[in-house]
Protein backbone atom coordinates (compact mmCIF):
# COMPACT_ATOMS: atom_id res chain seq x y z
CA MET A 1 -146.39 142.29 116.99
CA SER A 2 -147.88 140.77 120.07
CA ASN A 3 -151.15 141.71 121.69
CA SER A 4 -150.43 142.17 125.31
CA THR A 5 -153.06 143.19 127.78
CA LEU A 6 -152.10 145.37 130.65
CA THR A 7 -153.42 144.27 133.96
CA LYS A 8 -153.51 146.37 137.04
CA LYS A 9 -151.78 144.53 139.84
CA ALA A 10 -152.00 145.55 143.43
CA THR A 11 -148.54 146.70 144.42
CA PRO A 12 -147.51 147.52 147.96
CA ASP A 13 -147.50 151.16 148.98
CA ALA A 14 -143.98 152.59 149.12
CA VAL A 15 -144.58 154.61 152.29
CA THR A 16 -146.60 152.29 154.51
CA GLY A 17 -145.78 148.97 152.90
CA THR A 18 -149.40 147.81 152.95
CA GLN A 19 -151.53 146.60 150.10
CA PRO A 20 -154.02 149.21 148.82
CA THR A 21 -157.67 148.29 149.13
CA VAL A 22 -159.76 148.16 145.99
CA ALA A 23 -163.03 150.05 146.41
CA GLU A 24 -166.17 148.55 144.94
CA PRO A 25 -168.03 150.77 142.50
CA GLN A 26 -170.84 152.73 144.13
CA PRO A 27 -174.33 152.61 142.64
CA PRO A 28 -175.43 155.84 140.91
CA VAL A 29 -177.13 158.43 143.10
CA LEU A 30 -180.63 159.32 141.96
CA VAL A 31 -182.30 162.61 142.79
CA THR A 32 -186.08 162.65 142.86
CA GLU A 33 -188.30 165.43 141.51
CA GLN A 34 -189.45 166.25 145.04
CA GLN A 35 -185.87 166.80 146.16
CA VAL A 36 -185.22 169.12 143.22
CA MET A 37 -188.40 171.12 143.89
CA PHE A 38 -187.62 171.37 147.59
CA ALA A 39 -184.05 172.55 146.94
CA THR A 40 -185.25 175.09 144.37
CA ALA A 41 -187.93 176.44 146.71
CA ALA A 42 -185.36 176.78 149.49
CA ALA A 43 -182.90 178.63 147.23
CA VAL A 44 -185.38 181.12 145.71
CA ARG A 45 -186.45 184.00 147.92
CA PRO A 46 -190.23 184.48 147.89
CA ARG A 47 -191.60 187.75 146.59
CA SER A 48 -192.63 190.27 149.14
CA THR A 49 -196.31 191.25 149.17
CA TYR A 50 -195.42 194.59 150.76
CA VAL A 51 -195.22 197.46 148.26
CA SER A 52 -193.56 200.59 149.53
CA ILE A 53 -195.31 203.94 149.49
CA THR A 54 -192.58 205.28 147.21
CA ALA A 55 -193.35 202.64 144.58
CA ARG A 56 -197.08 203.37 144.79
CA MET A 57 -196.53 207.13 144.49
CA SER A 58 -194.18 206.80 141.51
CA GLY A 59 -196.69 204.53 139.78
CA ALA A 60 -199.50 207.02 140.35
CA LEU A 61 -197.37 209.91 139.07
CA ARG A 62 -196.48 207.91 135.95
CA VAL A 63 -200.18 207.35 135.20
CA VAL A 64 -200.98 211.04 135.66
CA ALA A 65 -198.03 212.13 133.50
CA ASP A 66 -199.13 209.76 130.72
CA ALA A 67 -202.67 211.15 130.88
CA LEU A 68 -201.46 214.77 130.62
CA ARG A 69 -199.09 214.15 127.71
CA PRO A 70 -200.55 215.37 124.40
CA PRO A 71 -201.26 212.73 121.76
CA PRO A 72 -198.67 212.26 119.03
CA PRO A 73 -199.24 214.33 115.87
CA ARG A 74 -201.05 212.68 113.02
CA PRO A 75 -199.02 211.96 109.91
CA HIS A 76 -199.51 214.36 107.03
CA TYR A 77 -200.47 212.71 103.80
CA ALA A 78 -200.03 214.83 100.67
CA ARG A 79 -203.16 215.26 98.66
CA SER A 80 -202.97 214.63 94.96
CA ALA A 81 -204.14 217.33 92.63
CA ALA A 82 -206.89 216.22 90.24
CA TYR A 83 -205.58 218.27 87.32
CA ILE A 84 -202.24 216.41 87.45
CA GLU A 85 -204.03 213.06 87.58
CA ARG A 86 -206.04 213.82 84.43
CA GLY A 87 -202.90 214.73 82.48
CA ARG A 88 -201.12 211.61 83.71
CA MET A 89 -204.05 209.42 82.65
CA SER A 90 -204.18 210.98 79.16
CA ARG A 91 -200.45 210.35 78.61
CA GLU A 92 -200.84 206.74 79.69
CA MET A 93 -203.74 206.25 77.27
CA GLU A 94 -201.65 207.66 74.40
CA ARG A 95 -198.87 205.15 75.13
CA LEU A 96 -201.27 202.26 74.79
């Protein structure tokens, strides 16, 4: 088994009959932070400081509606009867 290396030879073009030109590798393109920030700022639409009257009115009505809503009911906790507790305690003491 022979180790043959394949080399890329410049062959003439079949259509024009000229030798193709070999392009030199280009250096990598670097993008700076300032270019990224500038492109991002140009792509993002700034927020509008104008608030429509409809938005203000709906916000005010939401506040009023929340103020007029009754508070949620308190949870009901069952009270324990003392006479049941005394019987339970006496049974536990007998088991010991």
